[in-house]
């Protein structure tokens, strides 16, 4: 089983493209594979994770690797393996800022693959264009990392693979870097592409942000889940200097968006990315 480092339960930034309607975009878990034990729930709670509706789900990726995760319908999960080694909650910062994990990417060229194979896993035309625009947005910032995009089925050779999972609805599922490499799988739901290019760009850029080490800007007090804390876990939540201390609802990395999915980086996002890369 391939070891995958993920962290806290969280949700992707998104909403309907209209500004008058608030809709959290989260991974819709349609199958309950297992139920956590009382001890596991207590450990998750000690990490600051909201334990309402937590289940255990097995995630199998394109390469056949599988891992069991604690999930609650959000865009990151906590691996069941090694839960006891996860640290409990540390002191929190009360400002909403851009945050990163302890682990970042050391690669200078990141190969990104938009998967176009069958089995319901391929990106449709809107999602492909959204991915192109997301990659162009990252590359336009003059970072020390650069993304090289291709489309096809050779997921083995790519550093980040963007593909569709049928159980994610209009949301996504990703993870954090490990060993200097980005997290490999930026998964999106089948409804993402059906909502158009702008929405696809927003969701994909958000999930790719996780893959290179960005946390939710409101990880400690989620904007649309009664202020629930996602927990820091072993990957941490380190404030990035020069980013805003107020609520940056325009950030592509906020967990829940109330004003529509724009697919654009906020000034805080730009400052964060240019600081760490």
Protein backbone atom coordinates (compact mmCIF):
# COMPACT_ATOMS: atom_id res chain seq x y z
CA UNK A 1 0.00 0.00 0.00
CA UNK A 2 1.41 3.31 -1.01
CA UNK A 3 1.87 5.67 1.92
CA UNK A 4 0.08 8.92 1.37
CA UNK A 5 0.45 11.88 3.70
CA UNK A 6 -2.69 13.83 4.06
CA UNK A 7 -3.90 16.10 6.79
CA UNK A 8 -6.90 17.59 8.31
CA UNK A 9 -10.48 17.30 7.24
CA UNK A 10 -11.40 20.41 5.27
CA UNK A 11 -13.50 21.67 2.40
CA UNK A 12 -12.66 23.30 -0.89
CA UNK A 13 -13.37 26.87 -1.68
CA UNK A 14 -16.29 27.18 -3.96
CA UNK A 15 -19.88 28.12 -4.35
CA UNK A 16 -22.32 28.57 -7.12
CA UNK A 17 -21.17 31.01 -9.77
CA UNK A 18 -23.91 33.40 -8.67
CA UNK A 19 -23.12 35.78 -5.82
CA UNK A 20 -26.57 35.47 -4.29
CA UNK A 21 -26.31 31.80 -3.42
CA UNK A 22 -23.95 30.25 -0.91
CA UNK A 23 -23.09 26.62 -1.46
CA UNK A 24 -20.16 24.81 0.03
CA UNK A 25 -18.42 22.61 -2.48
CA UNK A 26 -17.32 19.48 -0.71
CA UNK A 27 -16.51 15.98 -1.67
CA UNK A 28 -19.72 14.00 -1.49
CA UNK A 29 -18.99 10.64 0.07
CA UNK A 30 -21.63 8.27 -1.20
CA UNK A 31 -20.43 5.08 0.43
CA UNK A 32 -19.82 4.46 4.12
CA UNK A 33 -17.14 1.81 4.30
CA UNK A 34 -16.64 1.73 8.07
CA UNK A 35 -17.26 3.56 11.32
CA UNK A 36 -14.45 4.92 13.54
CA UNK A 37 -13.98 3.52 17.02
CA UNK A 38 -14.56 5.65 20.09
CA UNK A 39 -10.80 5.83 20.66
CA UNK A 40 -10.22 7.04 17.10
CA UNK A 41 -12.89 9.71 17.44
CA UNK A 42 -11.35 10.92 20.72
CA UNK A 43 -7.95 11.18 19.03
CA UNK A 44 -9.42 13.14 16.12
CA UNK A 45 -11.15 15.44 18.59
CA UNK A 46 -7.83 16.03 20.38
CA UNK A 47 -6.43 17.17 17.03
CA UNK A 48 -9.13 19.80 16.79
CA UNK A 49 -11.06 17.93 14.11
CA UNK A 50 -14.83 18.19 14.01
CA UNK A 51 -15.93 14.57 14.40
CA UNK A 52 -19.53 14.94 13.26
CA UNK A 53 -20.37 12.38 10.57
CA UNK A 54 -16.82 11.03 10.32
CA UNK A 55 -16.55 7.71 8.51
CA UNK A 56 -13.70 5.60 7.18
CA UNK A 57 -13.37 5.34 3.44
CA UNK A 58 -10.96 3.45 1.23
CA UNK A 59 -9.58 5.58 -1.62
CA UNK A 60 -8.05 3.79 -4.60
CA UNK A 61 -6.21 5.89 -7.19
CA UNK A 62 -5.43 5.30 -10.86
CA UNK A 63 -2.26 3.38 -10.08
CA UNK A 64 -4.17 0.90 -7.91
CA UNK A 65 -2.74 2.14 -4.60
CA UNK A 66 -5.25 2.25 -1.75
CA UNK A 67 -5.41 3.92 1.63
CA UNK A 68 -8.05 4.18 4.34
CA UNK A 69 -8.98 7.71 5.44
CA UNK A 70 -11.20 9.38 7.98
CA UNK A 71 -13.53 11.59 5.92
CA UNK A 72 -16.60 13.73 6.50
CA UNK A 73 -17.36 14.88 2.98
CA UNK A 74 -14.52 17.40 2.69
CA UNK A 75 -11.55 17.78 0.39
CA UNK A 76 -8.82 16.34 2.61
CA UNK A 77 -8.75 13.25 4.76
CA UNK A 78 -6.70 11.92 7.64
CA UNK A 79 -5.04 8.53 7.03
CA UNK A 80 -6.17 5.84 9.43
CA UNK A 81 -2.66 4.39 9.56
CA UNK A 82 -0.48 6.31 12.00
CA UNK A 83 -3.34 8.18 13.67
CA UNK A 84 -1.87 7.61 17.14
CA UNK A 85 1.31 9.43 16.08
CA UNK A 86 -0.54 12.59 15.04
CA UNK A 87 0.02 15.50 17.47
CA UNK A 88 -2.86 17.01 19.41
CA UNK A 89 -4.04 20.54 18.80
CA UNK A 90 -1.54 23.33 19.38
CA UNK A 91 -2.21 26.95 20.23
CA UNK A 92 -4.18 28.70 17.50
CA UNK A 93 -3.71 32.03 15.79
CA UNK A 94 -6.89 34.12 15.78
CA UNK A 95 -6.26 35.91 12.49
CA UNK A 96 -7.34 34.56 9.13
CA UNK A 97 -4.24 34.45 6.95
CA UNK A 98 -2.67 32.35 4.25
CA UNK A 99 -1.12 29.20 5.67
CA UNK A 100 1.22 26.47 4.48
CA UNK A 101 2.33 23.07 5.67
CA UNK A 102 5.79 22.30 7.04
CA UNK A 103 6.55 20.36 3.88
CA UNK A 104 6.99 22.22 0.60
CA UNK A 105 8.02 21.26 -2.92
CA UNK A 106 11.71 21.25 -3.86
CA UNK A 107 11.16 20.45 -7.54
CA UNK A 108 11.58 23.36 -9.92
CA UNK A 109 9.53 21.89 -12.76
CA UNK A 110 6.32 20.12 -11.76
CA UNK A 111 4.81 17.92 -14.45
CA UNK A 112 1.01 18.09 -14.39
CA UNK A 113 -1.18 15.59 -16.23
CA UNK A 114 -4.82 16.15 -17.08
CA UNK A 115 -6.13 12.59 -17.27
CA UNK A 116 -8.21 11.87 -20.37
CA UNK A 117 -8.65 8.11 -20.05
CA UNK A 118 -11.89 6.19 -19.67
CA UNK A 119 -13.75 4.61 -16.80
CA UNK A 120 -15.37 7.90 -15.84
CA UNK A 121 -11.99 9.26 -14.67
CA UNK A 122 -11.20 11.51 -17.63
CA UNK A 123 -11.59 15.30 -17.63
CA UNK A 124 -14.24 16.73 -19.94
CA UNK A 125 -13.52 19.71 -22.17
CA UNK A 126 -14.51 22.31 -19.57
CA UNK A 127 -12.35 20.69 -16.89
CA UNK A 128 -9.43 20.46 -19.32
CA UNK A 129 -9.69 24.16 -20.12
CA UNK A 130 -10.07 24.95 -16.41
CA UNK A 131 -6.86 23.02 -15.75
CA UNK A 132 -5.04 24.90 -18.52
CA UNK A 133 -6.09 28.21 -17.03
CA UNK A 134 -5.18 27.11 -13.49
CA UNK A 135 -1.67 26.10 -14.60
CA UNK A 136 -1.29 29.37 -16.53
CA UNK A 137 -2.29 31.29 -13.41
CA UNK A 138 0.40 29.61 -11.32
CA UNK A 139 3.01 30.08 -14.04
CA UNK A 140 2.17 33.77 -14.46
CA UNK A 141 3.37 34.58 -10.93
CA UNK A 142 7.08 34.23 -11.66
CA UNK A 143 7.58 31.54 -9.02
CA UNK A 144 10.71 29.41 -8.62
CA UNK A 145 8.52 26.42 -9.42
CA UNK A 146 6.95 26.05 -12.84
CA UNK A 147 4.22 23.70 -13.99
CA UNK A 148 4.48 21.79 -17.26
CA UNK A 149 1.05 20.60 -18.44
CA UNK A 150 0.10 17.72 -20.70
CA UNK A 151 -3.01 15.62 -21.28
CA UNK A 152 -3.25 11.87 -21.69
CA UNK A 153 -3.13 8.69 -19.65
CA UNK A 154 0.52 8.36 -18.59
CA UNK A 155 -0.14 9.15 -14.94
CA UNK A 156 2.94 7.20 -13.87
CA UNK A 157 5.28 9.89 -15.22
CA UNK A 158 3.49 12.94 -13.79
CA UNK A 159 4.13 14.74 -10.51
CA UNK A 160 0.49 15.88 -10.19
CA UNK A 161 -2.41 14.06 -11.84
CA UNK A 162 -5.80 15.77 -12.12
CA UNK A 163 -8.56 13.23 -12.64
CA UNK A 164 -12.24 12.58 -11.92
CA UNK A 165 -13.57 10.44 -9.09
CA UNK A 166 -17.24 9.58 -9.25
CA UNK A 167 -17.85 9.95 -5.49
CA UNK A 168 -16.73 13.58 -5.17
CA UNK A 169 -19.76 15.37 -6.61
CA UNK A 170 -18.91 19.04 -7.20
CA UNK A 171 -15.87 18.95 -4.94
CA UNK A 172 -12.33 17.66 -4.79
CA UNK A 173 -9.86 15.65 -2.76
CA UNK A 174 -6.12 16.21 -2.46
CA UNK A 175 -3.20 16.11 -0.03
CA UNK A 176 0.06 17.76 0.98
CA UNK A 177 3.68 17.43 -0.24
CA UNK A 178 6.05 14.81 1.08
CA UNK A 179 9.79 14.35 0.60
CA UNK A 180 10.07 17.53 -1.44
CA UNK A 181 7.58 16.31 -4.02
CA UNK A 182 4.03 17.55 -4.55
CA UNK A 183 1.11 15.37 -3.61
CA UNK A 184 0.32 13.35 -6.71
CA UNK A 185 -3.47 13.16 -6.91
CA UNK A 186 -5.66 16.24 -7.43
CA UNK A 187 -9.04 14.54 -7.65
CA UNK A 188 -12.23 16.34 -8.71
CA UNK A 189 -15.86 15.25 -8.87
CA UNK A 190 -17.82 14.65 -12.08
CA UNK A 191 -20.01 17.70 -11.45
CA UNK A 192 -17.02 20.07 -11.50
CA UNK A 193 -16.59 19.99 -15.27
CA UNK A 194 -20.33 20.20 -15.83
CA UNK A 195 -20.38 23.57 -14.04
CA UNK A 196 -18.13 25.18 -16.61
CA UNK A 197 -14.59 26.42 -17.13
CA UNK A 198 -14.47 29.06 -14.39
CA UNK A 199 -15.76 26.70 -11.73
CA UNK A 200 -13.37 23.96 -12.91
CA UNK A 201 -10.43 26.35 -12.79
CA UNK A 202 -11.32 27.37 -9.24
CA UNK A 203 -11.65 23.85 -7.87
CA UNK A 204 -8.57 22.54 -9.67
CA UNK A 205 -6.39 25.50 -8.66
CA UNK A 206 -7.52 25.01 -5.06
CA UNK A 207 -6.68 21.29 -5.03
CA UNK A 208 -3.33 21.93 -6.73
CA UNK A 209 -2.65 24.53 -4.03
CA UNK A 210 -2.91 21.75 -1.45
CA UNK A 211 -0.61 19.56 -3.55
CA UNK A 212 2.17 22.16 -3.29
CA UNK A 213 1.66 22.88 0.40
CA UNK A 214 -1.08 25.48 0.90
CA UNK A 215 -3.53 25.10 3.76
CA UNK A 216 -7.00 26.60 3.93
CA UNK A 217 -6.80 30.24 4.94
CA UNK A 218 -9.49 29.60 7.57
CA UNK A 219 -8.39 26.12 8.67
CA UNK A 220 -8.88 26.95 12.37
CA UNK A 221 -12.40 28.40 12.00
CA UNK A 222 -14.05 27.28 8.79
CA UNK A 223 -16.22 29.91 7.18
CA UNK A 224 -19.34 27.81 6.66
CA UNK A 225 -19.20 24.99 9.22
CA UNK A 226 -20.00 26.87 12.42
CA UNK A 227 -16.35 27.79 12.81
CA UNK A 228 -15.13 24.21 13.14
CA UNK A 229 -11.40 23.68 13.47
CA UNK A 230 -9.73 21.32 11.02
CA UNK A 231 -6.75 20.54 13.25
CA UNK A 232 -3.09 21.06 12.48
CA UNK A 233 -1.82 17.50 12.56
CA UNK A 234 1.78 16.60 11.81
CA UNK A 235 1.96 18.78 8.69
CA UNK A 236 1.25 21.95 10.61
CA UNK A 237 -0.37 25.25 9.67
CA UNK A 238 2.33 27.91 9.39
CA UNK A 239 1.36 31.51 8.74
CA UNK A 240 2.97 32.99 5.62
CA UNK A 241 4.40 36.46 6.30
CA UNK A 242 2.93 39.32 4.32
CA UNK A 243 -0.52 37.80 3.97
CA UNK A 244 -3.67 39.46 5.33
CA UNK A 245 -4.91 39.03 8.88
CA UNK A 246 -8.57 39.67 8.01
CA UNK A 247 -11.05 37.32 6.40
CA UNK A 248 -9.86 36.96 2.82
CA UNK A 249 -12.99 35.57 1.22
CA UNK A 250 -11.51 36.15 -2.21
CA UNK A 251 -8.69 33.69 -1.48
CA UNK A 252 -8.73 30.62 -3.67
CA UNK A 253 -7.66 28.65 -0.57
CA UNK A 254 -10.53 29.60 1.74
CA UNK A 255 -12.45 26.49 2.74
CA UNK A 256 -15.93 27.75 1.85
CA UNK A 257 -16.85 30.49 -0.58
CA UNK A 258 -19.95 32.65 -0.29
CA UNK A 259 -19.44 34.89 -3.29
CA UNK A 260 -18.98 32.54 -6.19
CA UNK A 261 -16.06 30.70 -7.69
CA UNK A 262 -13.89 33.10 -9.67
CA UNK A 263 -10.84 30.96 -10.26
CA UNK A 264 -8.63 33.98 -9.57
CA UNK A 265 -5.90 34.32 -6.96
CA UNK A 266 -6.40 37.04 -4.38
CA UNK A 267 -3.57 39.44 -3.60
CA UNK A 268 -2.99 37.41 -0.44
CA UNK A 269 -2.70 34.21 -2.47
CA UNK A 270 -0.15 35.86 -4.74
CA UNK A 271 1.86 37.13 -1.76
CA UNK A 272 1.78 33.68 -0.16
CA UNK A 273 2.91 31.84 -3.27
CA UNK A 274 5.64 34.35 -4.07
CA UNK A 275 6.93 34.17 -0.49
CA UNK A 276 7.25 30.38 -0.30
CA UNK A 277 8.25 29.85 -3.95
